[in-house]
Amino acid sequence: AFGRARTNSGATAITVTEDGVTEGAPAVAAKATVTVGSSGSG
């Protein structure tokens, strides 16, 4: 219930910071974290 929400196995984590975009960086120091999906319907 309180753990990390799961994403699709083919997703790529992208961290957006004040300095730019870093792919695969940890989300702890990020301003926002987004996930770019690979393929699928849902």
Full PDB file with SEQRES, HELIX, SHEET, SSBOND, CRYST1, ORIGX, SCALE, CONECT and MASTER records, all heavy atoms in Angstrom:
SEQRES   1 A   42  ALA PHE GLY ARG ALA ARG THR ASN SER GLY ALA THR ALA          
SEQRES   2 A   42  ILE THR VAL THR GLU ASP GLY VAL THR GLU GLY ALA PRO          
SEQRES   3 A   42  ALA VAL ALA ALA LYS ALA THR VAL THR VAL GLY SER SER          
SEQRES   4 A   42  GLY SER GLY                                                  
SHEET    1 AA1 3 GLY A  20  GLU A  23  0                                        
SHEET    2 AA1 3 THR A  12  THR A  17 -1                                        
SHEET    3 AA1 3 ALA A  32  VAL A  36 -1                                        
CRYST1    1.000    1.000    1.000  90.00  90.00  90.00 P 1           1          
ORIGX1      1.000000  0.000000  0.000000        0.00000                         
ORIGX2      0.000000  1.000000  0.000000        0.00000                         
ORIGX3      0.000000  0.000000  1.000000        0.00000                         
SCALE1      1.000000  0.000000  0.000000        0.00000                         
SCALE2      0.000000  1.000000  0.000000        0.00000                         
SCALE3      0.000000  0.000000  1.000000        0.00000                         
ATOM      1  N   ALA A   1       0.808  -1.221   0.000  1.00  0.00           N  
ATOM      2  CA  ALA A   1       0.000   0.000   0.000  1.00  0.00           C  
ATOM      3  C   ALA A   1       0.840   1.271   0.000  1.00  0.00           C  
ATOM      4  O   ALA A   1       0.473   2.267  -0.633  1.00  0.00           O  
ATOM      5  CB  ALA A   1      -0.928   0.006   1.215  1.00  0.00           C  
ATOM      6  N   PHE A   2       1.975   1.245   0.698  1.00  0.00           N  
ATOM      7  CA  PHE A   2       2.772   2.459   0.863  1.00  0.00           C  
ATOM      8  C   PHE A   2       4.115   2.411   0.155  1.00  0.00           C  
ATOM      9  O   PHE A   2       4.874   3.383   0.206  1.00  0.00           O  
ATOM     10  CB  PHE A   2       2.996   2.743   2.357  1.00  0.00           C  
ATOM     11  CG  PHE A   2       1.732   3.004   3.111  1.00  0.00           C  
ATOM     12  CD1 PHE A   2       1.155   2.002   3.883  1.00  0.00           C  
ATOM     13  CD2 PHE A   2       1.097   4.233   3.042  1.00  0.00           C  
ATOM     14  CE1 PHE A   2      -0.021   2.221   4.576  1.00  0.00           C  
ATOM     15  CE2 PHE A   2      -0.073   4.470   3.739  1.00  0.00           C  
ATOM     16  CZ  PHE A   2      -0.641   3.458   4.508  1.00  0.00           C  
ATOM     17  N   GLY A   3       4.411   1.285  -0.485  1.00  0.00           N  
ATOM     18  CA  GLY A   3       5.676   1.180  -1.194  1.00  0.00           C  
ATOM     19  C   GLY A   3       5.646   1.903  -2.524  1.00  0.00           C  
ATOM     20  O   GLY A   3       4.665   2.561  -2.887  1.00  0.00           O  
ATOM     21  N   ARG A   4       6.724   1.745  -3.262  1.00  0.00           N  
ATOM     22  CA  ARG A   4       6.851   2.417  -4.548  1.00  0.00           C  
ATOM     23  C   ARG A   4       5.849   1.850  -5.540  1.00  0.00           C  
ATOM     24  O   ARG A   4       5.714   0.647  -5.688  1.00  0.00           O  
ATOM     25  CB  ARG A   4       8.268   2.235  -5.095  1.00  0.00           C  
ATOM     26  CG  ARG A   4       8.530   3.020  -6.390  1.00  0.00           C  
ATOM     27  CD  ARG A   4       9.907   2.686  -6.922  1.00  0.00           C  
ATOM     28  NE  ARG A   4      10.942   3.043  -5.958  1.00  0.00           N  
ATOM     29  CZ  ARG A   4      11.443   4.256  -5.829  1.00  0.00           C  
ATOM     30  NH1 ARG A   4      11.000   5.233  -6.610  1.00  0.00           N  
ATOM     31  NH2 ARG A   4      12.380   4.504  -4.949  1.00  0.00           N  
ATOM     32  N   ALA A   5       5.137   2.739  -6.209  1.00  0.00           N  
ATOM     33  CA  ALA A   5       4.223   2.303  -7.258  1.00  0.00           C  
ATOM     34  C   ALA A   5       5.024   1.709  -8.407  1.00  0.00           C  
ATOM     35  O   ALA A   5       6.122   2.161  -8.715  1.00  0.00           O  
ATOM     36  CB  ALA A   5       3.379   3.476  -7.760  1.00  0.00           C  
ATOM     37  N   ARG A   6       4.473   0.687  -9.042  1.00  0.00           N  
ATOM     38  CA  ARG A   6       5.192  -0.039 -10.082  1.00  0.00           C  
ATOM     39  C   ARG A   6       4.879   0.550 -11.448  1.00  0.00           C  
ATOM     40  O   ARG A   6       3.771   0.979 -11.716  1.00  0.00           O  
ATOM     41  CB  ARG A   6       4.824  -1.518 -10.055  1.00  0.00           C  
ATOM     42  CG  ARG A   6       5.212  -2.179  -8.740  1.00  0.00           C  
ATOM     43  CD  ARG A   6       4.618  -3.559  -8.655  1.00  0.00           C  
ATOM     44  NE  ARG A   6       4.939  -4.177  -7.375  1.00  0.00           N  
ATOM     45  CZ  ARG A   6       5.992  -4.936  -7.153  1.00  0.00           C  
ATOM     46  NH1 ARG A   6       6.820  -5.194  -8.139  1.00  0.00           N  
ATOM     47  NH2 ARG A   6       6.230  -5.451  -5.977  1.00  0.00           N  
ATOM     48  N   THR A   7       5.891   0.507 -12.310  1.00  0.00           N  
ATOM     49  CA  THR A   7       5.711   0.928 -13.693  1.00  0.00           C  
ATOM     50  C   THR A   7       5.950  -0.255 -14.593  1.00  0.00           C  
ATOM     51  O   THR A   7       6.367  -1.317 -14.155  1.00  0.00           O  
ATOM     52  CB  THR A   7       6.695   2.055 -14.057  1.00  0.00           C  
ATOM     53  OG1 THR A   7       8.025   1.570 -13.876  1.00  0.00           O  
ATOM     54  CG2 THR A   7       6.471   3.274 -13.181  1.00  0.00           C  
ATOM     55  N   ASN A   8       5.695  -0.087 -15.886  1.00  0.00           N  
ATOM     56  CA  ASN A   8       5.930  -1.185 -16.819  1.00  0.00           C  
ATOM     57  C   ASN A   8       7.412  -1.486 -16.937  1.00  0.00           C  
ATOM     58  O   ASN A   8       8.264  -0.636 -16.761  1.00  0.00           O  
ATOM     59  CB  ASN A   8       5.366  -0.843 -18.202  1.00  0.00           C  
ATOM     60  CG  ASN A   8       5.968   0.428 -18.758  1.00  0.00           C  
ATOM     61  OD1 ASN A   8       5.844   1.479 -18.159  1.00  0.00           O  
ATOM     62  ND2 ASN A   8       6.611   0.329 -19.896  1.00  0.00           N  
ATOM     63  N   SER A   9       7.712  -2.778 -17.209  1.00  0.00           N  
ATOM     64  CA  SER A   9       9.099  -3.218 -17.193  1.00  0.00           C  
ATOM     65  C   SER A   9       9.933  -2.584 -18.291  1.00  0.00           C  
ATOM     66  O   SER A   9      11.150  -2.540 -18.202  1.00  0.00           O  
ATOM     67  CB  SER A   9       9.156  -4.751 -17.340  1.00  0.00           C  
ATOM     68  OG  SER A   9       8.498  -5.156 -18.521  1.00  0.00           O  
ATOM     69  N   GLY A  10       9.301  -2.056 -19.355  1.00  0.00           N  
ATOM     70  CA  GLY A  10      10.072  -1.479 -20.437  1.00  0.00           C  
ATOM     71  C   GLY A  10      10.199   0.033 -20.345  1.00  0.00           C  
ATOM     72  O   GLY A  10      10.682   0.675 -21.260  1.00  0.00           O  
ATOM     73  N   ALA A  11       9.747   0.615 -19.232  1.00  0.00           N  
ATOM     74  CA  ALA A  11       9.774   2.065 -19.117  1.00  0.00           C  
ATOM     75  C   ALA A  11      11.171   2.573 -18.807  1.00  0.00           C  
ATOM     76  O   ALA A  11      11.988   1.876 -18.226  1.00  0.00           O  
ATOM     77  CB  ALA A  11       8.813   2.510 -18.014  1.00  0.00           C  
ATOM     78  N   THR A  12      11.421   3.810 -19.155  1.00  0.00           N  
ATOM     79  CA  THR A  12      12.695   4.447 -18.876  1.00  0.00           C  
ATOM     80  C   THR A  12      12.463   5.615 -17.941  1.00  0.00           C  
ATOM     81  O   THR A  12      11.652   6.495 -18.224  1.00  0.00           O  
ATOM     82  CB  THR A  12      13.321   4.979 -20.178  1.00  0.00           C  
ATOM     83  OG1 THR A  12      13.496   3.877 -21.070  1.00  0.00           O  
ATOM     84  CG2 THR A  12      14.654   5.637 -19.884  1.00  0.00           C  
ATOM     85  N   ALA A  13      13.141   5.621 -16.807  1.00  0.00           N  
ATOM     86  CA  ALA A  13      12.987   6.696 -15.834  1.00  0.00           C  
ATOM     87  C   ALA A  13      13.795   7.904 -16.285  1.00  0.00           C  
ATOM     88  O   ALA A  13      14.956   7.787 -16.656  1.00  0.00           O  
ATOM     89  CB  ALA A  13      13.463   6.237 -14.462  1.00  0.00           C  
ATOM     90  N   ILE A  14      13.171   9.076 -16.279  1.00  0.00           N  
ATOM     91  CA  ILE A  14      13.842  10.314 -16.663  1.00  0.00           C  
ATOM     92  C   ILE A  14      13.654  11.320 -15.538  1.00  0.00           C  
ATOM     93  O   ILE A  14      12.541  11.584 -15.113  1.00  0.00           O  
ATOM     94  CB  ILE A  14      13.260  10.895 -17.969  1.00  0.00           C  
ATOM     95  CG1 ILE A  14      13.486   9.910 -19.127  1.00  0.00           C  
ATOM     96  CG2 ILE A  14      13.863  12.241 -18.279  1.00  0.00           C  
ATOM     97  CD1 ILE A  14      12.916  10.403 -20.429  1.00  0.00           C  
ATOM     98  N   THR A  15      14.748  11.853 -15.042  1.00  0.00           N  
ATOM     99  CA  THR A  15      14.701  12.825 -13.968  1.00  0.00           C  
ATOM    100  C   THR A  15      14.900  14.225 -14.528  1.00  0.00           C  
ATOM    101  O   THR A  15      15.880  14.478 -15.227  1.00  0.00           O  
ATOM    102  CB  THR A  15      15.801  12.527 -12.934  1.00  0.00           C  
ATOM    103  OG1 THR A  15      15.617  11.199 -12.449  1.00  0.00           O  
ATOM    104  CG2 THR A  15      15.754  13.514 -11.789  1.00  0.00           C  
ATOM    105  N   VAL A  16      13.964  15.108 -14.212  1.00  0.00           N  
ATOM    106  CA  VAL A  16      14.033  16.485 -14.683  1.00  0.00           C  
ATOM    107  C   VAL A  16      14.501  17.359 -13.533  1.00  0.00           C  
ATOM    108  O   VAL A  16      13.847  17.439 -12.497  1.00  0.00           O  
ATOM    109  CB  VAL A  16      12.653  16.957 -15.186  1.00  0.00           C  
ATOM    110  CG1 VAL A  16      12.746  18.376 -15.723  1.00  0.00           C  
ATOM    111  CG2 VAL A  16      12.126  16.004 -16.249  1.00  0.00           C  
ATOM    112  N   THR A  17      15.659  18.012 -13.682  1.00  0.00           N  
ATOM    113  CA  THR A  17      16.209  18.874 -12.640  1.00  0.00           C  
ATOM    114  C   THR A  17      16.336  20.290 -13.180  1.00  0.00           C  
ATOM    115  O   THR A  17      16.025  20.571 -14.336  1.00  0.00           O  
ATOM    116  CB  THR A  17      17.594  18.371 -12.201  1.00  0.00           C  
ATOM    117  OG1 THR A  17      18.504  18.518 -13.282  1.00  0.00           O  
ATOM    118  CG2 THR A  17      17.529  16.903 -11.804  1.00  0.00           C  
ATOM    119  N   GLU A  18      16.815  21.183 -12.323  1.00  0.00           N  
ATOM    120  CA  GLU A  18      17.001  22.564 -12.763  1.00  0.00           C  
ATOM    121  C   GLU A  18      18.063  22.670 -13.842  1.00  0.00           C  
ATOM    122  O   GLU A  18      18.050  23.564 -14.667  1.00  0.00           O  
ATOM    123  CB  GLU A  18      17.406  23.423 -11.549  1.00  0.00           C  
ATOM    124  CG  GLU A  18      16.284  23.567 -10.519  1.00  0.00           C  
ATOM    125  CD  GLU A  18      16.738  24.389  -9.336  1.00  0.00           C  
ATOM    126  OE1 GLU A  18      17.960  24.587  -9.212  1.00  0.00           O  
ATOM    127  OE2 GLU A  18      15.893  24.831  -8.538  1.00  0.00           O  
ATOM    128  N   ASP A  19      19.023  21.741 -13.843  1.00  0.00           N  
ATOM    129  CA  ASP A  19      20.113  21.797 -14.800  1.00  0.00           C  
ATOM    130  C   ASP A  19      19.813  21.097 -16.114  1.00  0.00           C  
ATOM    131  O   ASP A  19      20.578  21.197 -17.057  1.00  0.00           O  
ATOM    132  CB  ASP A  19      21.370  21.170 -14.193  1.00  0.00           C  
ATOM    133  CG  ASP A  19      21.795  21.899 -12.932  1.00  0.00           C  
ATOM    134  OD1 ASP A  19      21.583  23.125 -12.883  1.00  0.00           O  
ATOM    135  OD2 ASP A  19      22.317  21.233 -12.019  1.00  0.00           O  
ATOM    136  N   GLY A  20      18.748  20.363 -16.163  1.00  0.00           N  
ATOM    137  CA  GLY A  20      18.443  19.663 -17.402  1.00  0.00           C  
ATOM    138  C   GLY A  20      17.784  18.331 -17.131  1.00  0.00           C  
ATOM    139  O   GLY A  20      17.235  18.111 -16.064  1.00  0.00           O  
ATOM    140  N   VAL A  21      17.887  17.456 -18.123  1.00  0.00           N  
ATOM    141  CA  VAL A  21      17.247  16.156 -18.056  1.00  0.00           C  
ATOM    142  C   VAL A  21      18.320  15.079 -17.977  1.00  0.00           C  
ATOM    143  O   VAL A  21      19.226  15.060 -18.795  1.00  0.00           O  
ATOM    144  CB  VAL A  21      16.357  15.922 -19.297  1.00  0.00           C  
ATOM    145  CG1 VAL A  21      15.751  14.520 -19.238  1.00  0.00           C  
ATOM    146  CG2 VAL A  21      15.264  16.981 -19.363  1.00  0.00           C  
ATOM    147  N   THR A  22      18.217  14.210 -16.985  1.00  0.00           N  
ATOM    148  CA  THR A  22      19.176  13.123 -16.829  1.00  0.00           C  
ATOM    149  C   THR A  22      18.426  11.808 -16.864  1.00  0.00           C  
ATOM    150  O   THR A  22      17.593  11.553 -15.997  1.00  0.00           O  
ATOM    151  CB  THR A  22      19.933  13.247 -15.491  1.00  0.00           C  
ATOM    152  OG1 THR A  22      20.543  14.523 -15.448  1.00  0.00           O  
ATOM    153  CG2 THR A  22      20.977  12.145 -15.377  1.00  0.00           C  
ATOM    154  N   GLU A  23      18.715  10.980 -17.840  1.00  0.00           N  
ATOM    155  CA  GLU A  23      18.017   9.701 -17.979  1.00  0.00           C  
ATOM    156  C   GLU A  23      18.582   8.689 -17.001  1.00  0.00           C  
ATOM    157  O   GLU A  23      19.783   8.509 -16.879  1.00  0.00           O  
ATOM    158  CB  GLU A  23      18.171   9.176 -19.405  1.00  0.00           C  
ATOM    159  CG  GLU A  23      17.368   7.900 -19.660  1.00  0.00           C  
ATOM    160  CD  GLU A  23      17.371   7.527 -21.123  1.00  0.00           C  
ATOM    161  OE1 GLU A  23      17.391   8.445 -21.958  1.00  0.00           O  
ATOM    162  OE2 GLU A  23      17.360   6.331 -21.418  1.00  0.00           O  
ATOM    163  N   GLY A  24      17.661   8.032 -16.264  1.00  0.00           N  
ATOM    164  CA  GLY A  24      18.067   6.971 -15.353  1.00  0.00           C  
ATOM    165  C   GLY A  24      18.596   7.469 -14.030  1.00  0.00           C  
ATOM    166  O   GLY A  24      19.068   6.685 -13.224  1.00  0.00           O  
ATOM    167  N   ALA A  25      18.545   8.787 -13.755  1.00  0.00           N  
ATOM    168  CA  ALA A  25      19.073   9.314 -12.501  1.00  0.00           C  
ATOM    169  C   ALA A  25      18.095   9.039 -11.372  1.00  0.00           C  
ATOM    170  O   ALA A  25      16.903   8.900 -11.588  1.00  0.00           O  
ATOM    171  CB  ALA A  25      19.300  10.833 -12.623  1.00  0.00           C  
ATOM    172  N   PRO A  26      18.568   8.973 -10.134  1.00  0.00           N  
ATOM    173  CA  PRO A  26      17.665   8.736  -9.007  1.00  0.00           C  
ATOM    174  C   PRO A  26      16.716   9.897  -8.821  1.00  0.00           C  
ATOM    175  O   PRO A  26      17.029  11.041  -9.126  1.00  0.00           O  
ATOM    176  CB  PRO A  26      18.620   8.581  -7.822  1.00  0.00           C  
ATOM    177  CG  PRO A  26      19.888   9.247  -8.251  1.00  0.00           C  
ATOM    178  CD  PRO A  26      19.980   9.052  -9.725  1.00  0.00           C  
ATOM    179  N   ALA A  27      15.540   9.592  -8.282  1.00  0.00           N  
ATOM    180  CA  ALA A  27      14.498  10.609  -8.179  1.00  0.00           C  
ATOM    181  C   ALA A  27      14.559  11.388  -6.883  1.00  0.00           C  
ATOM    182  O   ALA A  27      13.748  12.250  -6.656  1.00  0.00           O  
ATOM    183  CB  ALA A  27      13.122   9.936  -8.289  1.00  0.00           C  
ATOM    184  N   VAL A  28      15.517  11.101  -6.010  1.00  0.00           N  
ATOM    185  CA  VAL A  28      15.525  11.722  -4.696  1.00  0.00           C  
ATOM    186  C   VAL A  28      15.706  13.223  -4.792  1.00  0.00           C  
ATOM    187  O   VAL A  28      15.008  14.005  -4.153  1.00  0.00           O  
ATOM    188  CB  VAL A  28      16.648  11.116  -3.831  1.00  0.00           C  
ATOM    189  CG1 VAL A  28      16.729  11.820  -2.496  1.00  0.00           C  
ATOM    190  CG2 VAL A  28      16.407   9.619  -3.659  1.00  0.00           C  
ATOM    191  N   ALA A  29      16.636  13.679  -5.644  1.00  0.00           N  
ATOM    192  CA  ALA A  29      16.941  15.102  -5.717  1.00  0.00           C  
ATOM    193  C   ALA A  29      16.234  15.774  -6.881  1.00  0.00           C  
ATOM    194  O   ALA A  29      16.558  16.883  -7.243  1.00  0.00           O  
ATOM    195  CB  ALA A  29      18.448  15.301  -5.864  1.00  0.00           C  
ATOM    196  N   ALA A  30      15.273  15.114  -7.457  1.00  0.00           N  
ATOM    197  CA  ALA A  30      14.649  15.638  -8.661  1.00  0.00           C  
ATOM    198  C   ALA A  30      13.531  16.602  -8.320  1.00  0.00           C  
ATOM    199  O   ALA A  30      12.877  16.499  -7.302  1.00  0.00           O  
ATOM    200  CB  ALA A  30      14.085  14.494  -9.497  1.00  0.00           C  
ATOM    201  N   LYS A  31      13.351  17.569  -9.223  1.00  0.00           N  
ATOM    202  CA  LYS A  31      12.187  18.428  -9.133  1.00  0.00           C  
ATOM    203  C   LYS A  31      10.937  17.649  -9.519  1.00  0.00           C  
ATOM    204  O   LYS A  31       9.886  17.825  -8.942  1.00  0.00           O  
ATOM    205  CB  LYS A  31      12.363  19.638 -10.056  1.00  0.00           C  
ATOM    206  CG  LYS A  31      13.469  20.580  -9.633  1.00  0.00           C  
ATOM    207  CD  LYS A  31      13.101  21.285  -8.356  1.00  0.00           C  
ATOM    208  CE  LYS A  31      14.165  22.315  -8.000  1.00  0.00           C  
ATOM    209  NZ  LYS A  31      13.854  23.003  -6.752  1.00  0.00           N  
ATOM    210  N   ALA A  32      11.062  16.810 -10.539  1.00  0.00           N  
ATOM    211  CA  ALA A  32       9.938  15.981 -10.980  1.00  0.00           C  
ATOM    212  C   ALA A  32      10.511  14.770 -11.677  1.00  0.00           C  
ATOM    213  O   ALA A  32      11.575  14.837 -12.260  1.00  0.00           O  
ATOM    214  CB  ALA A  32       9.025  16.759 -11.932  1.00  0.00           C  
ATOM    215  N   THR A  33       9.810  13.681 -11.604  1.00  0.00           N  
ATOM    216  CA  THR A  33      10.243  12.464 -12.271  1.00  0.00           C  
ATOM    217  C   THR A  33       9.121  11.979 -13.157  1.00  0.00           C  
ATOM    218  O   THR A  33       7.980  11.900 -12.729  1.00  0.00           O  
ATOM    219  CB  THR A  33      10.597  11.375 -11.254  1.00  0.00           C  
ATOM    220  OG1 THR A  33      11.606  11.875 -10.392  1.00  0.00           O  
ATOM    221  CG2 THR A  33      11.088  10.120 -11.954  1.00  0.00           C  
ATOM    222  N   VAL A  34       9.459  11.654 -14.405  1.00  0.00           N  
ATOM    223  CA  VAL A  34       8.448  11.175 -15.334  1.00  0.00           C  
ATOM    224  C   VAL A  34       8.923   9.862 -15.905  1.00  0.00           C  
ATOM    225  O   VAL A  34      10.088   9.501 -15.797  1.00  0.00           O  
ATOM    226  CB  VAL A  34       8.208  12.186 -16.483  1.00  0.00           C  
ATOM    227  CG1 VAL A  34       7.667  13.487 -15.946  1.00  0.00           C  
ATOM    228  CG2 VAL A  34       9.490  12.424 -17.278  1.00  0.00           C  
ATOM    229  N   THR A  35       8.006   9.114 -16.497  1.00  0.00           N  
ATOM    230  CA  THR A  35       8.330   7.830 -17.092  1.00  0.00           C  
ATOM    231  C   THR A  35       7.843   7.806 -18.520  1.00  0.00           C  
ATOM    232  O   THR A  35       6.680   8.094 -18.794  1.00  0.00           O  
ATOM    233  CB  THR A  35       7.668   6.693 -16.312  1.00  0.00           C  
ATOM    234  OG1 THR A  35       8.137   6.745 -14.970  1.00  0.00           O  
ATOM    235  CG2 THR A  35       8.005   5.345 -16.931  1.00  0.00           C  
ATOM    236  N   VAL A  36       8.743   7.467 -19.426  1.00  0.00           N  
ATOM    237  CA  VAL A  36       8.383   7.355 -20.828  1.00  0.00           C  
ATOM    238  C   VAL A  36       8.116   5.895 -21.125  1.00  0.00           C  
ATOM    239  O   VAL A  36       9.011   5.067 -20.992  1.00  0.00           O  
ATOM    240  CB  VAL A  36       9.518   7.882 -21.732  1.00  0.00           C  
ATOM    241  CG1 VAL A  36       9.114   7.731 -23.199  1.00  0.00           C  
ATOM    242  CG2 VAL A  36       9.811   9.336 -21.408  1.00  0.00           C  
ATOM    243  N   GLY A  37       6.867   5.552 -21.504  1.00  0.00           N  
ATOM    244  CA  GLY A  37       6.505   4.171 -21.770  1.00  0.00           C  
ATOM    245  C   GLY A  37       7.068   3.715 -23.098  1.00  0.00           C  
ATOM    246  O   GLY A  37       7.413   4.505 -23.972  1.00  0.00           O  
ATOM    247  N   SER A  38       7.121   2.381 -23.260  1.00  0.00           N  
ATOM    248  CA  SER A  38       7.662   1.807 -24.488  1.00  0.00           C  
ATOM    249  C   SER A  38       6.572   1.484 -25.469  1.00  0.00           C  
ATOM    250  O   SER A  38       6.557   1.977 -26.574  1.00  0.00           O  
ATOM    251  CB  SER A  38       8.470   0.554 -24.154  1.00  0.00           C  
ATOM    252  OG  SER A  38       7.698  -0.343 -23.390  1.00  0.00           O  
ATOM    253  N   SER A  39       5.643   0.612 -25.095  1.00  0.00           N  
ATOM    254  CA  SER A  39       4.550   0.247 -25.977  1.00  0.00           C  
ATOM    255  C   SER A  39       3.464  -0.388 -25.155  1.00  0.00           C  
ATOM    256  O   SER A  39       3.686  -0.842 -24.049  1.00  0.00           O  
ATOM    257  CB  SER A  39       5.016  -0.739 -27.052  1.00  0.00           C  
ATOM    258  OG  SER A  39       5.487  -1.916 -26.446  1.00  0.00           O  
ATOM    259  N   GLY A  40       2.262  -0.474 -25.682  1.00  0.00           N  
ATOM    260  CA  GLY A  40       1.156  -1.091 -24.973  1.00  0.00           C  
ATOM    261  C   GLY A  40      -0.091  -0.289 -25.146  1.00  0.00           C  
ATOM    262  O   GLY A  40      -0.126   0.711 -25.849  1.00  0.00           O  
ATOM    263  N   SER A  41      -1.152  -0.714 -24.455  1.00  0.00           N  
ATOM    264  CA  SER A  41      -2.439  -0.075 -24.647  1.00  0.00           C  
ATOM    265  C   SER A  41      -2.928   0.648 -23.420  1.00  0.00           C  
ATOM    266  O   SER A  41      -3.746   1.535 -23.512  1.00  0.00           O  
ATOM    267  CB  SER A  41      -3.479  -1.130 -25.057  1.00  0.00           C  
ATOM    268  OG  SER A  41      -3.542  -2.142 -24.070  1.00  0.00           O  
ATOM    269  N   GLY A  42      -2.506   0.273 -22.236  1.00  0.00           N  
ATOM    270  CA  GLY A  42      -3.000   0.878 -21.009  1.00  0.00           C  
ATOM    271  C   GLY A  42      -2.042   1.911 -20.489  1.00  0.00           C  
ATOM    272  O   GLY A  42      -0.840   1.690 -20.421  1.00  0.00           O  
TER     273      GLY A  42                                                      
MASTER        0    0    0    0    3    0    0    6  272    1    0    4          
END                                                                             
